Amino acid sequence: GYGPEDSSPLGPVLGELITDRSDASGTGYWSPADGSYDRELL
């Protein structure tokens, strides 16, 4: 239900974005070893 203000019932609540370990591990700025984002690399 989230998305752009004009085309979604719940609006742009960016904090409601979720993912999983497998997809995060393909970004190049997440560590599978400790399960955290590497903000410096981002």
PDB file of all heavy atoms in Angstrom:
ATOM      1  N   GLY A   1       0.772  -1.234   0.000  1.00  0.00           N
ATOM      2  CA  GLY A   1       0.000   0.000   0.000  1.00  0.00           C
ATOM      3  C   GLY A   1       0.798   1.277   0.000  1.00  0.00           C
ATOM      4  O   GLY A   1       0.219   2.375   0.008  1.00  0.00           O
ATOM      5  N   TYR A   2       2.140   1.185  -0.001  1.00  0.00           N
ATOM      6  CA  TYR A   2       2.977   2.374   0.011  1.00  0.00           C
ATOM      7  C   TYR A   2       3.386   2.743  -1.414  1.00  0.00           C
ATOM      8  O   TYR A   2       3.259   1.958  -2.344  1.00  0.00           O
ATOM      9  CB  TYR A   2       4.212   2.157   0.884  1.00  0.00           C
ATOM     10  CG  TYR A   2       3.873   1.791   2.307  1.00  0.00           C
ATOM     11  CD1 TYR A   2       3.909   0.460   2.740  1.00  0.00           C
ATOM     12  CD2 TYR A   2       3.471   2.764   3.208  1.00  0.00           C
ATOM     13  CE1 TYR A   2       3.572   0.124   4.038  1.00  0.00           C
ATOM     14  CE2 TYR A   2       3.133   2.427   4.514  1.00  0.00           C
ATOM     15  CZ  TYR A   2       3.183   1.108   4.918  1.00  0.00           C
ATOM     16  OH  TYR A   2       2.843   0.778   6.203  1.00  0.00           O
ATOM     17  N   GLY A   3       3.870   3.970  -1.556  1.00  0.00           N
ATOM     18  CA  GLY A   3       4.295   4.408  -2.876  1.00  0.00           C
ATOM     19  C   GLY A   3       4.196   5.911  -3.002  1.00  0.00           C
ATOM     20  O   GLY A   3       4.073   6.634  -2.003  1.00  0.00           O
ATOM     21  N   PRO A   4       4.214   6.423  -4.246  1.00  0.00           N
ATOM     22  CA  PRO A   4       4.098   7.863  -4.452  1.00  0.00           C
ATOM     23  C   PRO A   4       2.825   8.426  -3.842  1.00  0.00           C
ATOM     24  O   PRO A   4       1.798   7.738  -3.754  1.00  0.00           O
ATOM     25  CB  PRO A   4       4.092   7.989  -5.979  1.00  0.00           C
ATOM     26  CG  PRO A   4       4.745   6.742  -6.476  1.00  0.00           C
ATOM     27  CD  PRO A   4       4.375   5.677  -5.498  1.00  0.00           C
ATOM     28  N   GLU A   5       2.889   9.675  -3.450  1.00  0.00           N
ATOM     29  CA  GLU A   5       1.768  10.310  -2.757  1.00  0.00           C
ATOM     30  C   GLU A   5       0.473  10.230  -3.554  1.00  0.00           C
ATOM     31  O   GLU A   5      -0.605  10.057  -2.995  1.00  0.00           O
ATOM     32  CB  GLU A   5       2.111  11.778  -2.472  1.00  0.00           C
ATOM     33  CG  GLU A   5       3.193  11.955  -1.432  1.00  0.00           C
ATOM     34  CD  GLU A   5       3.611  13.402  -1.265  1.00  0.00           C
ATOM     35  OE1 GLU A   5       3.582  14.167  -2.252  1.00  0.00           O
ATOM     36  OE2 GLU A   5       3.983  13.772  -0.147  1.00  0.00           O
ATOM     37  N   ASP A   6       0.584  10.388  -4.874  1.00  0.00           N
ATOM     38  CA  ASP A   6      -0.628  10.492  -5.685  1.00  0.00           C
ATOM     39  C   ASP A   6      -1.161   9.166  -6.205  1.00  0.00           C
ATOM     40  O   ASP A   6      -2.177   9.154  -6.896  1.00  0.00           O
ATOM     41  CB  ASP A   6      -0.372  11.437  -6.868  1.00  0.00           C
ATOM     42  CG  ASP A   6       0.792  10.972  -7.750  1.00  0.00           C
ATOM     43  OD1 ASP A   6       1.501  10.009  -7.360  1.00  0.00           O
ATOM     44  OD2 ASP A   6       1.011  11.577  -8.832  1.00  0.00           O
ATOM     45  N   SER A   7      -0.490   8.048  -5.892  1.00  0.00           N
ATOM     46  CA  SER A   7      -0.929   6.779  -6.476  1.00  0.00           C
ATOM     47  C   SER A   7      -0.837   5.607  -5.511  1.00  0.00           C
ATOM     48  O   SER A   7      -0.727   4.457  -5.939  1.00  0.00           O
ATOM     49  CB  SER A   7      -0.105   6.479  -7.739  1.00  0.00           C
ATOM     50  OG  SER A   7       1.286   6.397  -7.430  1.00  0.00           O
ATOM     51  N   SER A   8      -0.891   5.855  -4.222  1.00  0.00           N
ATOM     52  CA  SER A   8      -0.844   4.769  -3.242  1.00  0.00           C
ATOM     53  C   SER A   8      -1.676   5.167  -2.031  1.00  0.00           C
ATOM     54  O   SER A   8      -1.681   6.327  -1.620  1.00  0.00           O
ATOM     55  CB  SER A   8       0.597   4.473  -2.824  1.00  0.00           C
ATOM     56  OG  SER A   8       1.187   5.602  -2.202  1.00  0.00           O
ATOM     57  N   PRO A   9      -2.380   4.212  -1.428  1.00  0.00           N
ATOM     58  CA  PRO A   9      -3.255   4.554  -0.286  1.00  0.00           C
ATOM     59  C   PRO A   9      -2.501   4.995   0.964  1.00  0.00           C
ATOM     60  O   PRO A   9      -3.013   5.801   1.737  1.00  0.00           O
ATOM     61  CB  PRO A   9      -4.033   3.260  -0.049  1.00  0.00           C
ATOM     62  CG  PRO A   9      -3.258   2.182  -0.718  1.00  0.00           C
ATOM     63  CD  PRO A   9      -2.554   2.810  -1.857  1.00  0.00           C
ATOM     64  N   LEU A  10      -1.286   4.477   1.189  1.00  0.00           N
ATOM     65  CA  LEU A  10      -0.560   4.780   2.425  1.00  0.00           C
ATOM     66  C   LEU A  10       0.564   5.787   2.243  1.00  0.00           C
ATOM     67  O   LEU A  10       1.179   6.205   3.226  1.00  0.00           O
ATOM     68  CB  LEU A  10      -0.022   3.488   3.036  1.00  0.00           C
ATOM     69  CG  LEU A  10      -1.079   2.427   3.388  1.00  0.00           C
ATOM     70  CD1 LEU A  10      -0.416   1.193   3.987  1.00  0.00           C
ATOM     71  CD2 LEU A  10      -2.114   2.989   4.353  1.00  0.00           C
ATOM     72  N   GLY A  11       0.869   6.142   1.000  1.00  0.00           N
ATOM     73  CA  GLY A  11       1.832   7.200   0.755  1.00  0.00           C
ATOM     74  C   GLY A  11       3.287   6.795   0.888  1.00  0.00           C
ATOM     75  O   GLY A  11       3.619   5.618   1.114  1.00  0.00           O
ATOM     76  N   PRO A  12       4.196   7.762   0.784  1.00  0.00           N
ATOM     77  CA  PRO A  12       5.629   7.491   0.675  1.00  0.00           C
ATOM     78  C   PRO A  12       6.333   7.323   2.019  1.00  0.00           C
ATOM     79  O   PRO A  12       7.226   8.104   2.370  1.00  0.00           O
ATOM     80  CB  PRO A  12       6.145   8.717  -0.073  1.00  0.00           C
ATOM     81  CG  PRO A  12       5.258   9.824   0.398  1.00  0.00           C
ATOM     82  CD  PRO A  12       3.889   9.189   0.582  1.00  0.00           C
ATOM     83  N   VAL A  13       5.957   6.298   2.760  1.00  0.00           N
ATOM     84  CA  VAL A  13       6.611   6.038   4.042  1.00  0.00           C
ATOM     85  C   VAL A  13       7.862   5.203   3.758  1.00  0.00           C
ATOM     86  O   VAL A  13       7.825   3.967   3.714  1.00  0.00           O
ATOM     87  CB  VAL A  13       5.675   5.320   5.025  1.00  0.00           C
ATOM     88  CG1 VAL A  13       6.348   5.215   6.408  1.00  0.00           C
ATOM     89  CG2 VAL A  13       4.340   6.042   5.123  1.00  0.00           C
ATOM     90  N   LEU A  14       8.990   5.892   3.534  1.00  0.00           N
ATOM     91  CA  LEU A  14      10.207   5.207   3.110  1.00  0.00           C
ATOM     92  C   LEU A  14      10.715   4.242   4.180  1.00  0.00           C
ATOM     93  O   LEU A  14      11.359   3.236   3.865  1.00  0.00           O
ATOM     94  CB  LEU A  14      11.289   6.225   2.757  1.00  0.00           C
ATOM     95  CG  LEU A  14      10.943   7.195   1.618  1.00  0.00           C
ATOM     96  CD1 LEU A  14      12.082   8.189   1.401  1.00  0.00           C
ATOM     97  CD2 LEU A  14      10.620   6.455   0.331  1.00  0.00           C
ATOM     98  N   GLY A  15      10.420   4.525   5.440  1.00  0.00           N
ATOM     99  CA  GLY A  15      10.837   3.642   6.524  1.00  0.00           C
ATOM    100  C   GLY A  15      10.149   2.289   6.512  1.00  0.00           C
ATOM    101  O   GLY A  15      10.550   1.393   7.261  1.00  0.00           O
ATOM    102  N   GLU A  16       9.101   2.123   5.672  1.00  0.00           N
ATOM    103  CA  GLU A  16       8.417   0.834   5.559  1.00  0.00           C
ATOM    104  C   GLU A  16       9.007  -0.046   4.463  1.00  0.00           C
ATOM    105  O   GLU A  16       8.488  -1.135   4.214  1.00  0.00           O
ATOM    106  CB  GLU A  16       6.925   1.038   5.318  1.00  0.00           C
ATOM    107  CG  GLU A  16       6.169   1.498   6.558  1.00  0.00           C
ATOM    108  CD  GLU A  16       6.145   0.448   7.670  1.00  0.00           C
ATOM    109  OE1 GLU A  16       6.246  -0.756   7.376  1.00  0.00           O
ATOM    110  OE2 GLU A  16       6.050   0.836   8.840  1.00  0.00           O
ATOM    111  N   LEU A  17      10.057   0.399   3.789  1.00  0.00           N
ATOM    112  CA  LEU A  17      10.750  -0.472   2.853  1.00  0.00           C
ATOM    113  C   LEU A  17      11.409  -1.615   3.619  1.00  0.00           C
ATOM    114  O   LEU A  17      12.080  -1.406   4.628  1.00  0.00           O
ATOM    115  CB  LEU A  17      11.815   0.301   2.087  1.00  0.00           C
ATOM    116  CG  LEU A  17      11.328   1.247   0.981  1.00  0.00           C
ATOM    117  CD1 LEU A  17      12.424   2.232   0.616  1.00  0.00           C
ATOM    118  CD2 LEU A  17      10.878   0.460  -0.255  1.00  0.00           C
ATOM    119  N   ILE A  18      11.211  -2.838   3.160  1.00  0.00           N
ATOM    120  CA  ILE A  18      11.836  -4.006   3.771  1.00  0.00           C
ATOM    121  C   ILE A  18      12.526  -4.836   2.709  1.00  0.00           C
ATOM    122  O   ILE A  18      12.206  -4.761   1.520  1.00  0.00           O
ATOM    123  CB  ILE A  18      10.821  -4.890   4.534  1.00  0.00           C
ATOM    124  CG1 ILE A  18       9.782  -5.464   3.540  1.00  0.00           C
ATOM    125  CG2 ILE A  18      10.162  -4.134   5.674  1.00  0.00           C
ATOM    126  CD1 ILE A  18       9.059  -6.691   4.029  1.00  0.00           C
ATOM    127  N   THR A  19      13.491  -5.634   3.140  1.00  0.00           N
ATOM    128  CA  THR A  19      14.157  -6.574   2.256  1.00  0.00           C
ATOM    129  C   THR A  19      14.548  -7.796   3.061  1.00  0.00           C
ATOM    130  O   THR A  19      14.147  -7.948   4.220  1.00  0.00           O
ATOM    131  CB  THR A  19      15.374  -5.926   1.570  1.00  0.00           C
ATOM    132  OG1 THR A  19      15.841  -6.772   0.511  1.00  0.00           O
ATOM    133  CG2 THR A  19      16.511  -5.672   2.551  1.00  0.00           C
ATOM    134  N   ASP A  20      15.342  -8.656   2.468  1.00  0.00           N
ATOM    135  CA  ASP A  20      15.814  -9.851   3.153  1.00  0.00           C
ATOM    136  C   ASP A  20      17.326  -9.943   3.016  1.00  0.00           C
ATOM    137  O   ASP A  20      17.952  -9.172   2.295  1.00  0.00           O
ATOM    138  CB  ASP A  20      15.156 -11.110   2.567  1.00  0.00           C
ATOM    139  CG  ASP A  20      15.827 -11.552   1.283  1.00  0.00           C
ATOM    140  OD1 ASP A  20      15.870 -10.768   0.311  1.00  0.00           O
ATOM    141  OD2 ASP A  20      16.356 -12.685   1.243  1.00  0.00           O
ATOM    142  N   ARG A  21      17.923 -10.898   3.706  1.00  0.00           N
ATOM    143  CA  ARG A  21      19.372 -11.052   3.709  1.00  0.00           C
ATOM    144  C   ARG A  21      19.921 -11.333   2.304  1.00  0.00           C
ATOM    145  O   ARG A  21      20.958 -10.789   1.908  1.00  0.00           O
ATOM    146  CB  ARG A  21      19.802 -12.185   4.646  1.00  0.00           C
ATOM    147  CG  ARG A  21      19.496 -11.967   6.099  1.00  0.00           C
ATOM    148  CD  ARG A  21      19.731 -13.232   6.926  1.00  0.00           C
ATOM    149  NE  ARG A  21      21.130 -13.625   6.974  1.00  0.00           N
ATOM    150  CZ  ARG A  21      21.670 -14.641   6.300  1.00  0.00           C
ATOM    151  NH1 ARG A  21      20.896 -15.384   5.505  1.00  0.00           N
ATOM    152  NH2 ARG A  21      22.945 -14.953   6.401  1.00  0.00           N
ATOM    153  N   SER A  22      19.222 -12.159   1.546  1.00  0.00           N
ATOM    154  CA  SER A  22      19.766 -12.575   0.255  1.00  0.00           C
ATOM    155  C   SER A  22      19.864 -11.399  -0.706  1.00  0.00           C
ATOM    156  O   SER A  22      20.883 -11.224  -1.385  1.00  0.00           O
ATOM    157  CB  SER A  22      18.928 -13.704  -0.351  1.00  0.00           C
ATOM    158  OG  SER A  22      17.643 -13.260  -0.766  1.00  0.00           O
ATOM    159  N   ASP A  23      18.815 -10.590  -0.781  1.00  0.00           N
ATOM    160  CA  ASP A  23      18.858  -9.471  -1.713  1.00  0.00           C
ATOM    161  C   ASP A  23      19.787  -8.376  -1.208  1.00  0.00           C
ATOM    162  O   ASP A  23      20.494  -7.756  -2.003  1.00  0.00           O
ATOM    163  CB  ASP A  23      17.450  -8.935  -1.953  1.00  0.00           C
ATOM    164  CG  ASP A  23      17.166  -8.717  -3.441  1.00  0.00           C
ATOM    165  OD1 ASP A  23      17.921  -9.246  -4.274  1.00  0.00           O
ATOM    166  OD2 ASP A  23      16.178  -8.065  -3.764  1.00  0.00           O
ATOM    167  N   ALA A  24      19.797  -8.127   0.089  1.00  0.00           N
ATOM    168  CA  ALA A  24      20.727  -7.144   0.646  1.00  0.00           C
ATOM    169  C   ALA A  24      22.172  -7.532   0.348  1.00  0.00           C
ATOM    170  O   ALA A  24      23.024  -6.673   0.101  1.00  0.00           O
ATOM    171  CB  ALA A  24      20.513  -6.995   2.155  1.00  0.00           C
ATOM    172  N   SER A  25      22.451  -8.838   0.330  1.00  0.00           N
ATOM    173  CA  SER A  25      23.826  -9.298   0.129  1.00  0.00           C
ATOM    174  C   SER A  25      24.326  -9.073  -1.280  1.00  0.00           C
ATOM    175  O   SER A  25      25.522  -9.216  -1.542  1.00  0.00           O
ATOM    176  CB  SER A  25      23.960 -10.779   0.496  1.00  0.00           C
ATOM    177  OG  SER A  25      23.291 -11.623  -0.453  1.00  0.00           O
ATOM    178  N   GLY A  26      23.442  -8.726  -2.206  1.00  0.00           N
ATOM    179  CA  GLY A  26      23.856  -8.443  -3.573  1.00  0.00           C
ATOM    180  C   GLY A  26      24.017  -6.965  -3.877  1.00  0.00           C
ATOM    181  O   GLY A  26      24.246  -6.591  -5.023  1.00  0.00           O
ATOM    182  N   THR A  27      23.912  -6.126  -2.848  1.00  0.00           N
ATOM    183  CA  THR A  27      24.018  -4.690  -3.092  1.00  0.00           C
ATOM    184  C   THR A  27      25.459  -4.216  -3.193  1.00  0.00           C
ATOM    185  O   THR A  27      25.765  -3.260  -3.896  1.00  0.00           O
ATOM    186  CB  THR A  27      23.329  -3.891  -1.971  1.00  0.00           C
ATOM    187  OG1 THR A  27      23.951  -4.200  -0.702  1.00  0.00           O
ATOM    188  CG2 THR A  27      21.848  -4.224  -1.917  1.00  0.00           C
ATOM    189  N   GLY A  28      26.354  -4.842  -2.417  1.00  0.00           N
ATOM    190  CA  GLY A  28      27.718  -4.346  -2.321  1.00  0.00           C
ATOM    191  C   GLY A  28      27.909  -3.349  -1.203  1.00  0.00           C
ATOM    192  O   GLY A  28      29.012  -2.805  -1.040  1.00  0.00           O
ATOM    193  N   TYR A  29      26.848  -3.106  -0.400  1.00  0.00           N
ATOM    194  CA  TYR A  29      27.009  -2.250   0.788  1.00  0.00           C
ATOM    195  C   TYR A  29      26.287  -2.853   2.007  1.00  0.00           C
ATOM    196  O   TYR A  29      25.775  -2.140   2.852  1.00  0.00           O
ATOM    197  CB  TYR A  29      26.541  -0.808   0.531  1.00  0.00           C
ATOM    198  CG  TYR A  29      25.222  -0.670  -0.209  1.00  0.00           C
ATOM    199  CD1 TYR A  29      24.001  -0.817   0.433  1.00  0.00           C
ATOM    200  CD2 TYR A  29      25.211  -0.354  -1.553  1.00  0.00           C
ATOM    201  CE1 TYR A  29      22.809  -0.671  -0.232  1.00  0.00           C
ATOM    202  CE2 TYR A  29      24.010  -0.223  -2.252  1.00  0.00           C
ATOM    203  CZ  TYR A  29      22.818  -0.376  -1.585  1.00  0.00           C
ATOM    204  OH  TYR A  29      21.639  -0.222  -2.261  1.00  0.00           O
ATOM    205  N   TRP A  30      26.285  -4.173   2.078  1.00  0.00           N
ATOM    206  CA  TRP A  30      25.743  -4.900   3.219  1.00  0.00           C
ATOM    207  C   TRP A  30      26.667  -6.068   3.515  1.00  0.00           C
ATOM    208  O   TRP A  30      27.185  -6.703   2.584  1.00  0.00           O
ATOM    209  CB  TRP A  30      24.321  -5.410   2.921  1.00  0.00           C
ATOM    210  CG  TRP A  30      23.616  -6.060   4.080  1.00  0.00           C
ATOM    211  CD1 TRP A  30      22.950  -5.423   5.081  1.00  0.00           C
ATOM    212  CD2 TRP A  30      23.473  -7.463   4.336  1.00  0.00           C
ATOM    213  NE1 TRP A  30      22.413  -6.350   5.947  1.00  0.00           N
ATOM    214  CE2 TRP A  30      22.716  -7.607   5.513  1.00  0.00           C
ATOM    215  CE3 TRP A  30      23.921  -8.614   3.689  1.00  0.00           C
ATOM    216  CZ2 TRP A  30      22.386  -8.835   6.053  1.00  0.00           C
ATOM    217  CZ3 TRP A  30      23.595  -9.853   4.221  1.00  0.00           C
ATOM    218  CH2 TRP A  30      22.841  -9.951   5.392  1.00  0.00           C
ATOM    219  N   SER A  31      26.865  -6.371   4.782  1.00  0.00           N
ATOM    220  CA  SER A  31      27.776  -7.437   5.171  1.00  0.00           C
ATOM    221  C   SER A  31      27.018  -8.700   5.560  1.00  0.00           C
ATOM    222  O   SER A  31      26.305  -8.696   6.568  1.00  0.00           O
ATOM    223  CB  SER A  31      28.643  -6.992   6.357  1.00  0.00           C
ATOM    224  OG  SER A  31      29.331  -8.104   6.904  1.00  0.00           O
ATOM    225  N   PRO A  32      27.153  -9.791   4.803  1.00  0.00           N
ATOM    226  CA  PRO A  32      26.539 -11.051   5.231  1.00  0.00           C
ATOM    227  C   PRO A  32      27.127 -11.568   6.542  1.00  0.00           C
ATOM    228  O   PRO A  32      26.439 -12.273   7.287  1.00  0.00           O
ATOM    229  CB  PRO A  32      26.854 -12.006   4.074  1.00  0.00           C
ATOM    230  CG  PRO A  32      27.143 -11.131   2.900  1.00  0.00           C
ATOM    231  CD  PRO A  32      27.780  -9.902   3.476  1.00  0.00           C
ATOM    232  N   ALA A  33      28.382 -11.242   6.800  1.00  0.00           N
ATOM    233  CA  ALA A  33      29.033 -11.769   8.007  1.00  0.00           C
ATOM    234  C   ALA A  33      28.443 -11.187   9.274  1.00  0.00           C
ATOM    235  O   ALA A  33      28.233 -11.906  10.257  1.00  0.00           O
ATOM    236  CB  ALA A  33      30.532 -11.503   7.952  1.00  0.00           C
ATOM    237  N   ASP A  34      28.169  -9.862   9.290  1.00  0.00           N
ATOM    238  CA  ASP A  34      27.624  -9.270  10.520  1.00  0.00           C
ATOM    239  C   ASP A  34      26.207  -8.736  10.355  1.00  0.00           C
ATOM    240  O   ASP A  34      25.634  -8.203  11.304  1.00  0.00           O
ATOM    241  CB  ASP A  34      28.557  -8.184  11.073  1.00  0.00           C
ATOM    242  CG  ASP A  34      28.704  -6.976  10.154  1.00  0.00           C
ATOM    243  OD1 ASP A  34      27.826  -6.739   9.299  1.00  0.00           O
ATOM    244  OD2 ASP A  34      29.704  -6.258  10.295  1.00  0.00           O
ATOM    245  N   GLY A  35      25.627  -8.857   9.178  1.00  0.00           N
ATOM    246  CA  GLY A  35      24.221  -8.504   8.982  1.00  0.00           C
ATOM    247  C   GLY A  35      23.914  -7.034   9.095  1.00  0.00           C
ATOM    248  O   GLY A  35      22.832  -6.655   9.570  1.00  0.00           O
ATOM    249  N   SER A  36      24.829  -6.170   8.638  1.00  0.00           N
ATOM    250  CA  SER A  36      24.585  -4.738   8.751  1.00  0.00           C
ATOM    251  C   SER A  36      24.984  -4.025   7.469  1.00  0.00           C
ATOM    252  O   SER A  36      25.824  -4.503   6.695  1.00  0.00           O
ATOM    253  CB  SER A  36      25.368  -4.141   9.925  1.00  0.00           C
ATOM    254  OG  SER A  36      26.763  -4.277   9.701  1.00  0.00           O
ATOM    255  N   TYR A  37      24.339  -2.869   7.242  1.00  0.00           N
ATOM    256  CA  TYR A  37      24.713  -2.034   6.112  1.00  0.00           C
ATOM    257  C   TYR A  37      26.050  -1.348   6.374  1.00  0.00           C
ATOM    258  O   TYR A  37      26.352  -0.955   7.504  1.00  0.00           O
ATOM    259  CB  TYR A  37      23.643  -0.970   5.850  1.00  0.00           C
ATOM    260  CG  TYR A  37      22.402  -1.496   5.172  1.00  0.00           C
ATOM    261  CD1 TYR A  37      21.164  -1.486   5.827  1.00  0.00           C
ATOM    262  CD2 TYR A  37      22.446  -1.983   3.879  1.00  0.00           C
ATOM    263  CE1 TYR A  37      20.012  -1.945   5.207  1.00  0.00           C
ATOM    264  CE2 TYR A  37      21.296  -2.457   3.246  1.00  0.00           C
ATOM    265  CZ  TYR A  37      20.096  -2.432   3.915  1.00  0.00           C
ATOM    266  OH  TYR A  37      18.953  -2.894   3.291  1.00  0.00           O
ATOM    267  N   ASP A  38      26.809  -1.183   5.302  1.00  0.00           N
ATOM    268  CA  ASP A  38      28.081  -0.464   5.356  1.00  0.00           C
ATOM    269  C   ASP A  38      27.827   0.929   4.793  1.00  0.00           C
ATOM    270  O   ASP A  38      27.892   1.160   3.589  1.00  0.00           O
ATOM    271  CB  ASP A  38      29.150  -1.205   4.541  1.00  0.00           C
ATOM    272  CG  ASP A  38      30.561  -0.717   4.795  1.00  0.00           C
ATOM    273  OD1 ASP A  38      30.737   0.515   4.868  1.00  0.00           O
ATOM    274  OD2 ASP A  38      31.493  -1.544   4.883  1.00  0.00           O
ATOM    275  N   ARG A  39      27.512   1.858   5.682  1.00  0.00           N
ATOM    276  CA  ARG A  39      27.119   3.195   5.258  1.00  0.00           C
ATOM    277  C   ARG A  39      28.263   3.949   4.583  1.00  0.00           C
ATOM    278  O   ARG A  39      28.032   4.793   3.714  1.00  0.00           O
ATOM    279  CB  ARG A  39      26.599   3.989   6.465  1.00  0.00           C
ATOM    280  CG  ARG A  39      25.321   3.411   7.076  1.00  0.00           C
ATOM    281  CD  ARG A  39      24.109   3.812   6.293  1.00  0.00           C
ATOM    282  NE  ARG A  39      22.888   3.200   6.795  1.00  0.00           N
ATOM    283  CZ  ARG A  39      21.669   3.467   6.300  1.00  0.00           C
ATOM    284  NH1 ARG A  39      21.530   4.349   5.315  1.00  0.00           N
ATOM    285  NH2 ARG A  39      20.614   2.856   6.796  1.00  0.00           N
ATOM    286  N   GLU A  40      29.487   3.651   4.956  1.00  0.00           N
ATOM    287  CA  GLU A  40      30.622   4.302   4.307  1.00  0.00           C
ATOM    288  C   GLU A  40      30.662   3.958   2.821  1.00  0.00           C
ATOM    289  O   GLU A  40      30.893   4.830   1.973  1.00  0.00           O
ATOM    290  CB  GLU A  40      31.936   3.906   4.976  1.00  0.00           C
ATOM    291  CG  GLU A  40      33.157   4.589   4.344  1.00  0.00           C
ATOM    292  CD  GLU A  40      34.488   4.073   4.847  1.00  0.00           C
ATOM    293  OE1 GLU A  40      34.503   3.076   5.602  1.00  0.00           O
ATOM    294  OE2 GLU A  40      35.532   4.646   4.464  1.00  0.00           O
ATOM    295  N   LEU A  41      30.429   2.697   2.490  1.00  0.00           N
ATOM    296  CA  LEU A  41      30.443   2.295   1.089  1.00  0.00           C
ATOM    297  C   LEU A  41      29.253   2.881   0.336  1.00  0.00           C
ATOM    298  O   LEU A  41      29.379   3.281  -0.820  1.00  0.00           O
ATOM    299  CB  LEU A  41      30.454   0.769   0.973  1.00  0.00           C
ATOM    300  CG  LEU A  41      31.723   0.079   1.474  1.00  0.00           C
ATOM    301  CD1 LEU A  41      31.587  -1.432   1.358  1.00  0.00           C
ATOM    302  CD2 LEU A  41      32.945   0.562   0.705  1.00  0.00           C
ATOM    303  N   LEU A  42      28.091   2.915   0.977  1.00  0.00           N
ATOM    304  CA  LEU A  42      26.934   3.535   0.337  1.00  0.00           C
ATOM    305  C   LEU A  42      27.229   4.993   0.002  1.00  0.00           C
ATOM    306  O   LEU A  42      26.967   5.448  -1.123  1.00  0.00           O
ATOM    307  CB  LEU A  42      25.715   3.451   1.246  1.00  0.00           C
ATOM    308  CG  LEU A  42      24.489   4.236   0.763  1.00  0.00           C
ATOM    309  CD1 LEU A  42      23.888   3.594  -0.482  1.00  0.00           C
ATOM    310  CD2 LEU A  42      23.444   4.345   1.875  1.00  0.00           C
TER     311      LEU A  42
END
